[in-house]
Amino acid sequence: EKTAPGAPIPTASPNRFAEPYGDDAAYIA
């Protein structure tokens, strides 16, 4: 397993099952 240094860890939105994907720290970054 490789990890990208400094990349934000995805944080799942509490509404993720009721809306499209994208509301997490890694996507926004």
mmCIF file of all heavy atoms, coordinates in Angstrom:
data_MODEL
# 
_entry.id   MODEL 
# 
loop_
_atom_site.group_PDB 
_atom_site.id 
_atom_site.type_symbol 
_atom_site.label_atom_id 
_atom_site.label_alt_id 
_atom_site.label_comp_id 
_atom_site.label_asym_id 
_atom_site.label_entity_id 
_atom_site.label_seq_id 
_atom_site.pdbx_PDB_ins_code 
_atom_site.Cartn_x 
_atom_site.Cartn_y 
_atom_site.Cartn_z 
_atom_site.occupancy 
_atom_site.B_iso_or_equiv 
_atom_site.pdbx_formal_charge 
_atom_site.auth_seq_id 
_atom_site.auth_comp_id 
_atom_site.auth_asym_id 
_atom_site.auth_atom_id 
_atom_site.pdbx_PDB_model_num 
ATOM 1   N N   . GLU A 1 1  ? 0.837   -1.195 0.000  1.00 0.00 ? 1  GLU A N   1 
ATOM 2   C CA  . GLU A 1 1  ? 0.000   0.000  0.000  1.00 0.00 ? 1  GLU A CA  1 
ATOM 3   C C   . GLU A 1 1  ? 0.868   1.240  0.000  1.00 0.00 ? 1  GLU A C   1 
ATOM 4   O O   . GLU A 1 1  ? 1.811   1.356  0.786  1.00 0.00 ? 1  GLU A O   1 
ATOM 5   C CB  . GLU A 1 1  ? -0.937  0.022  1.204  1.00 0.00 ? 1  GLU A CB  1 
ATOM 6   C CG  . GLU A 1 1  ? -1.900  1.209  1.193  1.00 0.00 ? 1  GLU A CG  1 
ATOM 7   C CD  . GLU A 1 1  ? -2.985  1.118  2.247  1.00 0.00 ? 1  GLU A CD  1 
ATOM 8   O OE1 . GLU A 1 1  ? -3.910  0.295  2.082  1.00 0.00 ? 1  GLU A OE1 1 
ATOM 9   O OE2 . GLU A 1 1  ? -2.887  1.881  3.224  1.00 0.00 ? 1  GLU A OE2 1 
ATOM 10  N N   . LYS A 1 2  ? 0.556   2.163  -0.904 1.00 0.00 ? 2  LYS A N   1 
ATOM 11  C CA  . LYS A 1 2  ? 1.289   3.415  -1.024 1.00 0.00 ? 2  LYS A CA  1 
ATOM 12  C C   . LYS A 1 2  ? 0.397   4.562  -0.555 1.00 0.00 ? 2  LYS A C   1 
ATOM 13  O O   . LYS A 1 2  ? -0.810  4.563  -0.809 1.00 0.00 ? 2  LYS A O   1 
ATOM 14  C CB  . LYS A 1 2  ? 1.688   3.656  -2.479 1.00 0.00 ? 2  LYS A CB  1 
ATOM 15  C CG  . LYS A 1 2  ? 2.561   2.563  -3.084 1.00 0.00 ? 2  LYS A CG  1 
ATOM 16  C CD  . LYS A 1 2  ? 3.995   2.704  -2.636 1.00 0.00 ? 2  LYS A CD  1 
ATOM 17  C CE  . LYS A 1 2  ? 4.905   1.759  -3.407 1.00 0.00 ? 2  LYS A CE  1 
ATOM 18  N NZ  . LYS A 1 2  ? 6.330   1.946  -3.063 1.00 0.00 ? 2  LYS A NZ  1 
ATOM 19  N N   . THR A 1 3  ? 1.002   5.536  0.099  1.00 0.00 ? 3  THR A N   1 
ATOM 20  C CA  . THR A 1 3  ? 0.267   6.714  0.559  1.00 0.00 ? 3  THR A CA  1 
ATOM 21  C C   . THR A 1 3  ? 0.904   7.963  -0.025 1.00 0.00 ? 3  THR A C   1 
ATOM 22  O O   . THR A 1 3  ? 2.127   8.087  -0.042 1.00 0.00 ? 3  THR A O   1 
ATOM 23  C CB  . THR A 1 3  ? 0.281   6.801  2.098  1.00 0.00 ? 3  THR A CB  1 
ATOM 24  O OG1 . THR A 1 3  ? -0.337  5.630  2.640  1.00 0.00 ? 3  THR A OG1 1 
ATOM 25  C CG2 . THR A 1 3  ? -0.475  8.035  2.575  1.00 0.00 ? 3  THR A CG2 1 
ATOM 26  N N   . ALA A 1 4  ? 0.087   8.862  -0.504 1.00 0.00 ? 4  ALA A N   1 
ATOM 27  C CA  . ALA A 1 4  ? 0.575   10.121 -1.062 1.00 0.00 ? 4  ALA A CA  1 
ATOM 28  C C   . ALA A 1 4  ? 0.848   11.092 0.085  1.00 0.00 ? 4  ALA A C   1 
ATOM 29  O O   . ALA A 1 4  ? -0.086  11.460 0.809  1.00 0.00 ? 4  ALA A O   1 
ATOM 30  C CB  . ALA A 1 4  ? -0.445  10.704 -2.027 1.00 0.00 ? 4  ALA A CB  1 
ATOM 31  N N   . PRO A 1 5  ? 2.092   11.519 0.276  1.00 0.00 ? 5  PRO A N   1 
ATOM 32  C CA  . PRO A 1 5  ? 2.414   12.424 1.384  1.00 0.00 ? 5  PRO A CA  1 
ATOM 33  C C   . PRO A 1 5  ? 1.649   13.737 1.283  1.00 0.00 ? 5  PRO A C   1 
ATOM 34  O O   . PRO A 1 5  ? 1.544   14.329 0.200  1.00 0.00 ? 5  PRO A O   1 
ATOM 35  C CB  . PRO A 1 5  ? 3.921   12.653 1.217  1.00 0.00 ? 5  PRO A CB  1 
ATOM 36  C CG  . PRO A 1 5  ? 4.407   11.504 0.404  1.00 0.00 ? 5  PRO A CG  1 
ATOM 37  C CD  . PRO A 1 5  ? 3.277   11.161 -0.512 1.00 0.00 ? 5  PRO A CD  1 
ATOM 38  N N   . GLY A 1 6  ? 1.114   14.168 2.411  1.00 0.00 ? 6  GLY A N   1 
ATOM 39  C CA  . GLY A 1 6  ? 0.437   15.458 2.464  1.00 0.00 ? 6  GLY A CA  1 
ATOM 40  C C   . GLY A 1 6  ? -0.966  15.486 1.898  1.00 0.00 ? 6  GLY A C   1 
ATOM 41  O O   . GLY A 1 6  ? -1.641  16.506 1.987  1.00 0.00 ? 6  GLY A O   1 
ATOM 42  N N   . ALA A 1 7  ? -1.407  14.383 1.288  1.00 0.00 ? 7  ALA A N   1 
ATOM 43  C CA  . ALA A 1 7  ? -2.747  14.364 0.702  1.00 0.00 ? 7  ALA A CA  1 
ATOM 44  C C   . ALA A 1 7  ? -3.788  14.241 1.803  1.00 0.00 ? 7  ALA A C   1 
ATOM 45  O O   . ALA A 1 7  ? -3.597  13.485 2.759  1.00 0.00 ? 7  ALA A O   1 
ATOM 46  C CB  . ALA A 1 7  ? -2.883  13.202 -0.267 1.00 0.00 ? 7  ALA A CB  1 
ATOM 47  N N   . PRO A 1 8  ? -4.893  14.958 1.700  1.00 0.00 ? 8  PRO A N   1 
ATOM 48  C CA  . PRO A 1 8  ? -5.914  14.894 2.748  1.00 0.00 ? 8  PRO A CA  1 
ATOM 49  C C   . PRO A 1 8  ? -6.614  13.547 2.784  1.00 0.00 ? 8  PRO A C   1 
ATOM 50  O O   . PRO A 1 8  ? -6.761  12.873 1.763  1.00 0.00 ? 8  PRO A O   1 
ATOM 51  C CB  . PRO A 1 8  ? -6.895  15.999 2.349  1.00 0.00 ? 8  PRO A CB  1 
ATOM 52  C CG  . PRO A 1 8  ? -6.708  16.169 0.883  1.00 0.00 ? 8  PRO A CG  1 
ATOM 53  C CD  . PRO A 1 8  ? -5.263  15.887 0.618  1.00 0.00 ? 8  PRO A CD  1 
ATOM 54  N N   . ILE A 1 9  ? -7.008  13.145 3.964  1.00 0.00 ? 9  ILE A N   1 
ATOM 55  C CA  . ILE A 1 9  ? -7.758  11.902 4.140  1.00 0.00 ? 9  ILE A CA  1 
ATOM 56  C C   . ILE A 1 9  ? -9.226  12.167 3.835  1.00 0.00 ? 9  ILE A C   1 
ATOM 57  O O   . ILE A 1 9  ? -9.811  13.118 4.349  1.00 0.00 ? 9  ILE A O   1 
ATOM 58  C CB  . ILE A 1 9  ? -7.611  11.379 5.582  1.00 0.00 ? 9  ILE A CB  1 
ATOM 59  C CG1 . ILE A 1 9  ? -6.142  11.060 5.874  1.00 0.00 ? 9  ILE A CG1 1 
ATOM 60  C CG2 . ILE A 1 9  ? -8.481  10.153 5.809  1.00 0.00 ? 9  ILE A CG2 1 
ATOM 61  C CD1 . ILE A 1 9  ? -5.876  10.702 7.325  1.00 0.00 ? 9  ILE A CD1 1 
ATOM 62  N N   . PRO A 1 10 ? -9.832  11.377 2.969  1.00 0.00 ? 10 PRO A N   1 
ATOM 63  C CA  . PRO A 1 10 ? -11.258 11.586 2.679  1.00 0.00 ? 10 PRO A CA  1 
ATOM 64  C C   . PRO A 1 10 ? -12.104 11.523 3.943  1.00 0.00 ? 10 PRO A C   1 
ATOM 65  O O   . PRO A 1 10 ? -11.873 10.688 4.826  1.00 0.00 ? 10 PRO A O   1 
ATOM 66  C CB  . PRO A 1 10 ? -11.593 10.432 1.729  1.00 0.00 ? 10 PRO A CB  1 
ATOM 67  C CG  . PRO A 1 10 ? -10.298 10.071 1.100  1.00 0.00 ? 10 PRO A CG  1 
ATOM 68  C CD  . PRO A 1 10 ? -9.267  10.287 2.166  1.00 0.00 ? 10 PRO A CD  1 
ATOM 69  N N   . THR A 1 11 ? -13.072 12.418 4.034  1.00 0.00 ? 11 THR A N   1 
ATOM 70  C CA  . THR A 1 11 ? -13.985 12.449 5.164  1.00 0.00 ? 11 THR A CA  1 
ATOM 71  C C   . THR A 1 11 ? -15.409 12.368 4.633  1.00 0.00 ? 11 THR A C   1 
ATOM 72  O O   . THR A 1 11 ? -15.901 13.315 4.030  1.00 0.00 ? 11 THR A O   1 
ATOM 73  C CB  . THR A 1 11 ? -13.806 13.743 5.971  1.00 0.00 ? 11 THR A CB  1 
ATOM 74  O OG1 . THR A 1 11 ? -13.907 14.865 5.078  1.00 0.00 ? 11 THR A OG1 1 
ATOM 75  C CG2 . THR A 1 11 ? -12.449 13.783 6.638  1.00 0.00 ? 11 THR A CG2 1 
ATOM 76  N N   . ALA A 1 12 ? -16.021 11.228 4.816  1.00 0.00 ? 12 ALA A N   1 
ATOM 77  C CA  . ALA A 1 12 ? -17.345 10.998 4.234  1.00 0.00 ? 12 ALA A CA  1 
ATOM 78  C C   . ALA A 1 12 ? -18.374 11.970 4.801  1.00 0.00 ? 12 ALA A C   1 
ATOM 79  O O   . ALA A 1 12 ? -18.454 12.195 6.005  1.00 0.00 ? 12 ALA A O   1 
ATOM 80  C CB  . ALA A 1 12 ? -17.789 9.568  4.495  1.00 0.00 ? 12 ALA A CB  1 
ATOM 81  N N   . SER A 1 13 ? -19.153 12.556 3.908  1.00 0.00 ? 13 SER A N   1 
ATOM 82  C CA  . SER A 1 13 ? -20.227 13.454 4.316  1.00 0.00 ? 13 SER A CA  1 
ATOM 83  C C   . SER A 1 13 ? -21.313 12.667 5.035  1.00 0.00 ? 13 SER A C   1 
ATOM 84  O O   . SER A 1 13 ? -21.638 11.541 4.653  1.00 0.00 ? 13 SER A O   1 
ATOM 85  C CB  . SER A 1 13 ? -20.821 14.141 3.089  1.00 0.00 ? 13 SER A CB  1 
ATOM 86  O OG  . SER A 1 13 ? -22.065 14.725 3.395  1.00 0.00 ? 13 SER A OG  1 
ATOM 87  N N   . PRO A 1 14 ? -21.906 13.229 6.093  1.00 0.00 ? 14 PRO A N   1 
ATOM 88  C CA  . PRO A 1 14 ? -23.016 12.537 6.765  1.00 0.00 ? 14 PRO A CA  1 
ATOM 89  C C   . PRO A 1 14 ? -24.225 12.358 5.858  1.00 0.00 ? 14 PRO A C   1 
ATOM 90  O O   . PRO A 1 14 ? -25.076 11.517 6.123  1.00 0.00 ? 14 PRO A O   1 
ATOM 91  C CB  . PRO A 1 14 ? -23.327 13.445 7.964  1.00 0.00 ? 14 PRO A CB  1 
ATOM 92  C CG  . PRO A 1 14 ? -22.773 14.790 7.592  1.00 0.00 ? 14 PRO A CG  1 
ATOM 93  C CD  . PRO A 1 14 ? -21.571 14.510 6.753  1.00 0.00 ? 14 PRO A CD  1 
ATOM 94  N N   . ASN A 1 15 ? -24.300 13.149 4.768  1.00 0.00 ? 15 ASN A N   1 
ATOM 95  C CA  . ASN A 1 15 ? -25.419 13.047 3.830  1.00 0.00 ? 15 ASN A CA  1 
ATOM 96  C C   . ASN A 1 15 ? -25.057 12.255 2.576  1.00 0.00 ? 15 ASN A C   1 
ATOM 97  O O   . ASN A 1 15 ? -25.750 12.341 1.571  1.00 0.00 ? 15 ASN A O   1 
ATOM 98  C CB  . ASN A 1 15 ? -25.884 14.451 3.422  1.00 0.00 ? 15 ASN A CB  1 
ATOM 99  C CG  . ASN A 1 15 ? -26.413 15.254 4.582  1.00 0.00 ? 15 ASN A CG  1 
ATOM 100 O OD1 . ASN A 1 15 ? -27.096 14.714 5.455  1.00 0.00 ? 15 ASN A OD1 1 
ATOM 101 N ND2 . ASN A 1 15 ? -26.088 16.526 4.616  1.00 0.00 ? 15 ASN A ND2 1 
ATOM 102 N N   . ARG A 1 16 ? -23.968 11.478 2.640  1.00 0.00 ? 16 ARG A N   1 
ATOM 103 C CA  . ARG A 1 16 ? -23.444 10.864 1.421  1.00 0.00 ? 16 ARG A CA  1 
ATOM 104 C C   . ARG A 1 16 ? -24.420 9.884  0.772  1.00 0.00 ? 16 ARG A C   1 
ATOM 105 O O   . ARG A 1 16 ? -24.319 9.635  -0.432 1.00 0.00 ? 16 ARG A O   1 
ATOM 106 C CB  . ARG A 1 16 ? -22.116 10.152 1.714  1.00 0.00 ? 16 ARG A CB  1 
ATOM 107 C CG  . ARG A 1 16 ? -22.203 8.979  2.683  1.00 0.00 ? 16 ARG A CG  1 
ATOM 108 C CD  . ARG A 1 16 ? -20.799 8.513  3.048  1.00 0.00 ? 16 ARG A CD  1 
ATOM 109 N NE  . ARG A 1 16 ? -20.785 7.353  3.922  1.00 0.00 ? 16 ARG A NE  1 
ATOM 110 C CZ  . ARG A 1 16 ? -20.955 7.396  5.232  1.00 0.00 ? 16 ARG A CZ  1 
ATOM 111 N NH1 . ARG A 1 16 ? -21.203 8.553  5.819  1.00 0.00 ? 16 ARG A NH1 1 
ATOM 112 N NH2 . ARG A 1 16 ? -20.900 6.307  5.965  1.00 0.00 ? 16 ARG A NH2 1 
ATOM 113 N N   . PHE A 1 17 ? -25.350 9.319  1.518  1.00 0.00 ? 17 PHE A N   1 
ATOM 114 C CA  . PHE A 1 17 ? -26.297 8.375  0.921  1.00 0.00 ? 17 PHE A CA  1 
ATOM 115 C C   . PHE A 1 17 ? -27.507 9.080  0.306  1.00 0.00 ? 17 PHE A C   1 
ATOM 116 O O   . PHE A 1 17 ? -28.350 8.431  -0.301 1.00 0.00 ? 17 PHE A O   1 
ATOM 117 C CB  . PHE A 1 17 ? -26.776 7.371  1.969  1.00 0.00 ? 17 PHE A CB  1 
ATOM 118 C CG  . PHE A 1 17 ? -25.664 6.509  2.504  1.00 0.00 ? 17 PHE A CG  1 
ATOM 119 C CD1 . PHE A 1 17 ? -25.207 6.662  3.800  1.00 0.00 ? 17 PHE A CD1 1 
ATOM 120 C CD2 . PHE A 1 17 ? -25.057 5.557  1.702  1.00 0.00 ? 17 PHE A CD2 1 
ATOM 121 C CE1 . PHE A 1 17 ? -24.177 5.884  4.292  1.00 0.00 ? 17 PHE A CE1 1 
ATOM 122 C CE2 . PHE A 1 17 ? -24.022 4.768  2.180  1.00 0.00 ? 17 PHE A CE2 1 
ATOM 123 C CZ  . PHE A 1 17 ? -23.572 4.938  3.492  1.00 0.00 ? 17 PHE A CZ  1 
ATOM 124 N N   . ALA A 1 18 ? -27.560 10.405 0.441  1.00 0.00 ? 18 ALA A N   1 
ATOM 125 C CA  . ALA A 1 18 ? -28.720 11.158 -0.050 1.00 0.00 ? 18 ALA A CA  1 
ATOM 126 C C   . ALA A 1 18 ? -28.352 12.184 -1.099 1.00 0.00 ? 18 ALA A C   1 
ATOM 127 O O   . ALA A 1 18 ? -29.171 13.024 -1.458 1.00 0.00 ? 18 ALA A O   1 
ATOM 128 C CB  . ALA A 1 18 ? -29.421 11.854 1.120  1.00 0.00 ? 18 ALA A CB  1 
ATOM 129 N N   . GLU A 1 19 ? -27.103 12.127 -1.622 1.00 0.00 ? 19 GLU A N   1 
ATOM 130 C CA  . GLU A 1 19 ? -26.654 13.122 -2.593 1.00 0.00 ? 19 GLU A CA  1 
ATOM 131 C C   . GLU A 1 19 ? -25.501 12.552 -3.408 1.00 0.00 ? 19 GLU A C   1 
ATOM 132 O O   . GLU A 1 19 ? -24.928 11.513 -3.046 1.00 0.00 ? 19 GLU A O   1 
ATOM 133 C CB  . GLU A 1 19 ? -26.207 14.399 -1.871 1.00 0.00 ? 19 GLU A CB  1 
ATOM 134 C CG  . GLU A 1 19 ? -25.072 14.175 -0.880 1.00 0.00 ? 19 GLU A CG  1 
ATOM 135 C CD  . GLU A 1 19 ? -24.843 15.363 0.042  1.00 0.00 ? 19 GLU A CD  1 
ATOM 136 O OE1 . GLU A 1 19 ? -25.698 16.262 0.097  1.00 0.00 ? 19 GLU A OE1 1 
ATOM 137 O OE2 . GLU A 1 19 ? -23.797 15.386 0.706  1.00 0.00 ? 19 GLU A OE2 1 
ATOM 138 N N   . PRO A 1 20 ? -25.129 13.200 -4.516 1.00 0.00 ? 20 PRO A N   1 
ATOM 139 C CA  . PRO A 1 20 ? -24.005 12.710 -5.319 1.00 0.00 ? 20 PRO A CA  1 
ATOM 140 C C   . PRO A 1 20 ? -22.701 12.712 -4.528 1.00 0.00 ? 20 PRO A C   1 
ATOM 141 O O   . PRO A 1 20 ? -22.586 13.358 -3.491 1.00 0.00 ? 20 PRO A O   1 
ATOM 142 C CB  . PRO A 1 20 ? -23.945 13.706 -6.486 1.00 0.00 ? 20 PRO A CB  1 
ATOM 143 C CG  . PRO A 1 20 ? -25.280 14.350 -6.520 1.00 0.00 ? 20 PRO A CG  1 
ATOM 144 C CD  . PRO A 1 20 ? -25.766 14.382 -5.109 1.00 0.00 ? 20 PRO A CD  1 
ATOM 145 N N   . TYR A 1 21 ? -21.707 12.014 -5.068 1.00 0.00 ? 21 TYR A N   1 
ATOM 146 C CA  . TYR A 1 21 ? -20.405 11.962 -4.406 1.00 0.00 ? 21 TYR A CA  1 
ATOM 147 C C   . TYR A 1 21 ? -19.647 13.270 -4.603 1.00 0.00 ? 21 TYR A C   1 
ATOM 148 O O   . TYR A 1 21 ? -19.753 13.894 -5.657 1.00 0.00 ? 21 TYR A O   1 
ATOM 149 C CB  . TYR A 1 21 ? -19.572 10.808 -4.981 1.00 0.00 ? 21 TYR A CB  1 
ATOM 150 C CG  . TYR A 1 21 ? -18.272 10.590 -4.234 1.00 0.00 ? 21 TYR A CG  1 
ATOM 151 C CD1 . TYR A 1 21 ? -18.235 9.778  -3.113 1.00 0.00 ? 21 TYR A CD1 1 
ATOM 152 C CD2 . TYR A 1 21 ? -17.104 11.235 -4.629 1.00 0.00 ? 21 TYR A CD2 1 
ATOM 153 C CE1 . TYR A 1 21 ? -17.055 9.591  -2.413 1.00 0.00 ? 21 TYR A CE1 1 
ATOM 154 C CE2 . TYR A 1 21 ? -15.928 11.059 -3.935 1.00 0.00 ? 21 TYR A CE2 1 
ATOM 155 C CZ  . TYR A 1 21 ? -15.906 10.238 -2.834 1.00 0.00 ? 21 TYR A CZ  1 
ATOM 156 O OH  . TYR A 1 21 ? -14.731 10.066 -2.128 1.00 0.00 ? 21 TYR A OH  1 
ATOM 157 N N   . GLY A 1 22 ? -18.872 13.677 -3.625 1.00 0.00 ? 22 GLY A N   1 
ATOM 158 C CA  . GLY A 1 22 ? -18.021 14.842 -3.793 1.00 0.00 ? 22 GLY A CA  1 
ATOM 159 C C   . GLY A 1 22 ? -17.802 15.672 -2.552 1.00 0.00 ? 22 GLY A C   1 
ATOM 160 O O   . GLY A 1 22 ? -16.880 16.475 -2.499 1.00 0.00 ? 22 GLY A O   1 
ATOM 161 N N   . ASP A 1 23 ? -18.645 15.482 -1.535 1.00 0.00 ? 23 ASP A N   1 
ATOM 162 C CA  . ASP A 1 23 ? -18.544 16.316 -0.342 1.00 0.00 ? 23 ASP A CA  1 
ATOM 163 C C   . ASP A 1 23 ? -17.591 15.669 0.661  1.00 0.00 ? 23 ASP A C   1 
ATOM 164 O O   . ASP A 1 23 ? -17.984 15.248 1.746  1.00 0.00 ? 23 ASP A O   1 
ATOM 165 C CB  . ASP A 1 23 ? -19.927 16.515 0.281  1.00 0.00 ? 23 ASP A CB  1 
ATOM 166 C CG  . ASP A 1 23 ? -19.933 17.618 1.336  1.00 0.00 ? 23 ASP A CG  1 
ATOM 167 O OD1 . ASP A 1 23 ? -18.881 18.262 1.512  1.00 0.00 ? 23 ASP A OD1 1 
ATOM 168 O OD2 . ASP A 1 23 ? -20.969 17.835 1.966  1.00 0.00 ? 23 ASP A OD2 1 
ATOM 169 N N   . ASP A 1 24 ? -16.304 15.563 0.273  1.00 0.00 ? 24 ASP A N   1 
ATOM 170 C CA  . ASP A 1 24 ? -15.296 15.081 1.209  1.00 0.00 ? 24 ASP A CA  1 
ATOM 171 C C   . ASP A 1 24 ? -14.003 15.853 0.994  1.00 0.00 ? 24 ASP A C   1 
ATOM 172 O O   . ASP A 1 24 ? -13.796 16.492 -0.046 1.00 0.00 ? 24 ASP A O   1 
ATOM 173 C CB  . ASP A 1 24 ? -15.085 13.564 1.108  1.00 0.00 ? 24 ASP A CB  1 
ATOM 174 C CG  . ASP A 1 24 ? -14.231 13.143 -0.065 1.00 0.00 ? 24 ASP A CG  1 
ATOM 175 O OD1 . ASP A 1 24 ? -13.057 13.542 -0.111 1.00 0.00 ? 24 ASP A OD1 1 
ATOM 176 O OD2 . ASP A 1 24 ? -14.720 12.399 -0.920 1.00 0.00 ? 24 ASP A OD2 1 
ATOM 177 N N   . ALA A 1 25 ? -13.123 15.816 1.987  1.00 0.00 ? 25 ALA A N   1 
ATOM 178 C CA  . ALA A 1 25 ? -11.933 16.668 1.983  1.00 0.00 ? 25 ALA A CA  1 
ATOM 179 C C   . ALA A 1 25 ? -11.024 16.395 0.794  1.00 0.00 ? 25 ALA A C   1 
ATOM 180 O O   . ALA A 1 25 ? -10.467 17.324 0.190  1.00 0.00 ? 25 ALA A O   1 
ATOM 181 C CB  . ALA A 1 25 ? -11.165 16.476 3.291  1.00 0.00 ? 25 ALA A CB  1 
ATOM 182 N N   . ALA A 1 26 ? -10.849 15.114 0.430  1.00 0.00 ? 26 ALA A N   1 
ATOM 183 C CA  . ALA A 1 26 ? -9.940  14.779 -0.663 1.00 0.00 ? 26 ALA A CA  1 
ATOM 184 C C   . ALA A 1 26 ? -10.490 15.243 -2.009 1.00 0.00 ? 26 ALA A C   1 
ATOM 185 O O   . ALA A 1 26 ? -9.741  15.729 -2.865 1.00 0.00 ? 26 ALA A O   1 
ATOM 186 C CB  . ALA A 1 26 ? -9.678  13.278 -0.674 1.00 0.00 ? 26 ALA A CB  1 
ATOM 187 N N   . TYR A 1 27 ? -11.785 15.061 -2.230 1.00 0.00 ? 27 TYR A N   1 
ATOM 188 C CA  . TYR A 1 27 ? -12.405 15.509 -3.485 1.00 0.00 ? 27 TYR A CA  1 
ATOM 189 C C   . TYR A 1 27 ? -12.280 17.022 -3.618 1.00 0.00 ? 27 TYR A C   1 
ATOM 190 O O   . TYR A 1 27 ? -11.894 17.539 -4.679 1.00 0.00 ? 27 TYR A O   1 
ATOM 191 C CB  . TYR A 1 27 ? -13.869 15.090 -3.519 1.00 0.00 ? 27 TYR A CB  1 
ATOM 192 C CG  . TYR A 1 27 ? -14.566 15.357 -4.834 1.00 0.00 ? 27 TYR A CG  1 
ATOM 193 C CD1 . TYR A 1 27 ? -14.756 14.344 -5.766 1.00 0.00 ? 27 TYR A CD1 1 
ATOM 194 C CD2 . TYR A 1 27 ? -15.052 16.625 -5.153 1.00 0.00 ? 27 TYR A CD2 1 
ATOM 195 C CE1 . TYR A 1 27 ? -15.396 14.584 -6.981 1.00 0.00 ? 27 TYR A CE1 1 
ATOM 196 C CE2 . TYR A 1 27 ? -15.681 16.876 -6.358 1.00 0.00 ? 27 TYR A CE2 1 
ATOM 197 C CZ  . TYR A 1 27 ? -15.854 15.849 -7.260 1.00 0.00 ? 27 TYR A CZ  1 
ATOM 198 O OH  . TYR A 1 27 ? -16.478 16.107 -8.457 1.00 0.00 ? 27 TYR A OH  1 
ATOM 199 N N   . ILE A 1 28 ? -12.614 17.742 -2.554 1.00 0.00 ? 28 ILE A N   1 
ATOM 200 C CA  . ILE A 1 28 ? -12.542 19.204 -2.604 1.00 0.00 ? 28 ILE A CA  1 
ATOM 201 C C   . ILE A 1 28 ? -11.102 19.667 -2.796 1.00 0.00 ? 28 ILE A C   1 
ATOM 202 O O   . ILE A 1 28 ? -10.837 20.630 -3.521 1.00 0.00 ? 28 ILE A O   1 
ATOM 203 C CB  . ILE A 1 28 ? -13.175 19.809 -1.348 1.00 0.00 ? 28 ILE A CB  1 
ATOM 204 C CG1 . ILE A 1 28 ? -14.686 19.523 -1.330 1.00 0.00 ? 28 ILE A CG1 1 
ATOM 205 C CG2 . ILE A 1 28 ? -12.917 21.306 -1.260 1.00 0.00 ? 28 ILE A CG2 1 
ATOM 206 C CD1 . ILE A 1 28 ? -15.384 19.917 -0.055 1.00 0.00 ? 28 ILE A CD1 1 
ATOM 207 N N   . ALA A 1 29 ? -10.147 18.954 -2.174 1.00 0.00 ? 29 ALA A N   1 
ATOM 208 C CA  . ALA A 1 29 ? -8.734  19.305 -2.353 1.00 0.00 ? 29 ALA A CA  1 
ATOM 209 C C   . ALA A 1 29 ? -8.305  19.124 -3.807 1.00 0.00 ? 29 ALA A C   1 
ATOM 210 O O   . ALA A 1 29 ? -7.565  19.950 -4.354 1.00 0.00 ? 29 ALA A O   1 
ATOM 211 C CB  . ALA A 1 29 ? -7.862  18.453 -1.437 1.00 0.00 ? 29 ALA A CB  1 
# 
